Amino acid sequence: MSEASESDPAVVRQKLNIDTAKIKWSALHEHQQIECVIAVSTALDLIDVACEFTFDNHEQVKAWMEQEKITKVSDEQAQQWKTEDCELWAVVVAPWVLVQEPKPGAS
């Protein structure tokens, strides 16, 4: 991406959307070990959250953290997802991996 397009929210959103995919929790184990996996509430749009991380919007990210709409994945949650062999939506916003359970009724 050119420098100009990296600052264009529409271009960033499109790239993040393309880079988002379903992945088995087991494939994220090593990332969980270094505590860089962030769980995103299904009340939020994963791409919206990824955009705020990309543009380093500390205030919005902090607000979501305070509301517990985004959290570091706990060991308990990780174990539950492992037991269930859960498939999650994921997108990388280095150094973070943002994950979200599929929304109810969505495939």
Protein backbone atom coordinates (compact mmCIF):
# COMPACT_ATOMS: atom_id res chain seq x y z
CA MET A 1 0.00 0.00 0.00
CA SER A 2 1.21 3.46 -0.74
CA GLU A 3 1.65 5.89 2.12
CA ALA A 4 -1.34 7.97 0.98
CA SER A 5 -3.68 4.97 0.86
CA GLU A 6 -2.52 3.77 4.31
CA SER A 7 -4.07 6.89 5.84
CA ASP A 8 -7.35 6.61 3.90
CA PRO A 9 -9.94 5.02 6.22
CA ALA A 10 -11.90 3.54 3.29
CA VAL A 11 -8.80 1.83 1.89
CA VAL A 12 -7.76 0.56 5.32
CA ARG A 13 -11.29 -0.74 5.99
CA GLN A 14 -11.33 -2.56 2.64
CA LYS A 15 -7.93 -4.16 3.29
CA LEU A 16 -8.93 -5.25 6.81
CA ASN A 17 -12.16 -6.69 5.46
CA ILE A 18 -10.23 -8.71 2.86
CA ASP A 19 -7.74 -9.86 5.52
CA THR A 20 -10.46 -11.06 7.91
CA ALA A 21 -11.08 -14.79 7.94
CA LYS A 22 -12.49 -17.61 10.01
CA ILE A 23 -9.85 -19.59 11.87
CA LYS A 24 -9.87 -22.43 14.36
CA TRP A 25 -8.88 -21.34 17.87
CA SER A 26 -6.23 -24.07 17.93
CA ALA A 27 -4.32 -22.19 15.19
CA LEU A 28 -4.05 -19.15 17.47
CA HIS A 29 -2.53 -20.99 20.44
CA GLU A 30 0.99 -19.56 20.06
CA HIS A 31 -0.42 -16.01 19.84
CA GLN A 32 -2.40 -16.62 23.02
CA GLN A 33 0.81 -17.72 24.75
CA ILE A 34 2.30 -14.25 24.21
CA GLU A 35 -0.97 -12.54 25.23
CA CYS A 36 -1.58 -10.71 21.99
CA VAL A 37 -5.07 -12.04 21.25
CA ILE A 38 -7.93 -9.60 21.84
CA ALA A 39 -11.54 -10.79 22.07
CA VAL A 40 -14.07 -8.43 20.50
CA SER A 41 -17.67 -8.49 21.70
CA THR A 42 -20.28 -9.49 19.12
CA ALA A 43 -21.95 -6.17 20.00
CA LEU A 44 -19.17 -4.47 18.00
CA ASP A 45 -18.19 -4.70 14.35
CA LEU A 46 -14.83 -6.47 14.11
CA ILE A 47 -13.71 -4.29 11.19
CA ASP A 48 -14.64 -1.08 13.08
CA VAL A 49 -12.49 -2.23 16.00
CA ALA A 50 -9.63 -3.21 13.70
CA CYS A 51 -9.78 0.26 12.07
CA GLU A 52 -9.55 1.98 15.47
CA PHE A 53 -6.53 -0.19 16.35
CA THR A 54 -4.93 0.55 12.96
CA PHE A 55 -5.34 4.31 13.42
CA ASP A 56 -4.15 4.04 17.04
CA ASN A 57 -7.32 5.62 18.46
CA HIS A 58 -6.38 5.19 22.13
CA GLU A 59 -9.50 6.93 23.45
CA GLN A 60 -11.95 4.65 21.62
CA VAL A 61 -9.98 1.49 22.41
CA LYS A 62 -9.76 2.50 26.08
CA ALA A 63 -13.52 3.17 26.19
CA TRP A 64 -14.24 -0.28 24.76
CA MET A 65 -11.85 -1.83 27.29
CA GLU A 66 -13.57 -0.02 30.16
CA GLN A 67 -16.93 -1.29 28.87
CA GLU A 68 -15.39 -4.79 28.55
CA LYS A 69 -16.35 -4.88 24.88
CA ILE A 70 -12.75 -5.76 24.05
CA THR A 71 -10.57 -7.83 26.37
CA LYS A 72 -7.40 -9.85 26.28
CA VAL A 73 -8.43 -13.47 25.91
CA SER A 74 -8.31 -15.09 29.35
CA ASP A 75 -6.84 -18.53 29.95
CA GLU A 76 -10.34 -19.73 30.84
CA GLN A 77 -11.81 -18.44 27.56
CA ALA A 78 -8.90 -19.92 25.61
CA GLN A 79 -9.49 -23.31 27.24
CA GLN A 80 -13.23 -23.17 26.48
CA TRP A 81 -12.58 -22.33 22.81
CA LYS A 82 -9.99 -25.11 22.64
CA THR A 83 -12.41 -27.64 24.17
CA GLU A 84 -15.16 -26.57 21.75
CA ASP A 85 -12.70 -26.53 18.79
CA CYS A 86 -14.21 -23.10 18.18
CA GLU A 87 -13.95 -21.27 14.86
CA LEU A 88 -13.63 -17.50 15.19
CA TRP A 89 -13.42 -14.50 12.93
CA ALA A 90 -9.91 -13.06 13.11
CA VAL A 91 -7.94 -10.15 11.72
CA VAL A 92 -4.35 -9.17 12.45
CA VAL A 93 -3.54 -5.60 13.44
CA ALA A 94 0.08 -6.15 14.45
CA PRO A 95 1.04 -6.89 17.12
CA TRP A 96 -2.55 -7.87 17.97
CA VAL A 97 -4.81 -10.60 16.68
CA LEU A 98 -8.44 -9.52 17.06
CA VAL A 99 -10.94 -12.36 17.33
CA GLN A 100 -14.71 -12.49 17.51
CA GLU A 101 -17.15 -15.33 17.90
CA PRO A 102 -19.56 -15.66 14.98
CA LYS A 103 -22.65 -13.56 15.62
CA PRO A 104 -25.77 -15.57 16.46
CA GLY A 105 -27.58 -16.58 13.29
CA ALA A 106 -24.56 -15.79 11.10
CA SER A 107 -22.62 -18.45 9.28
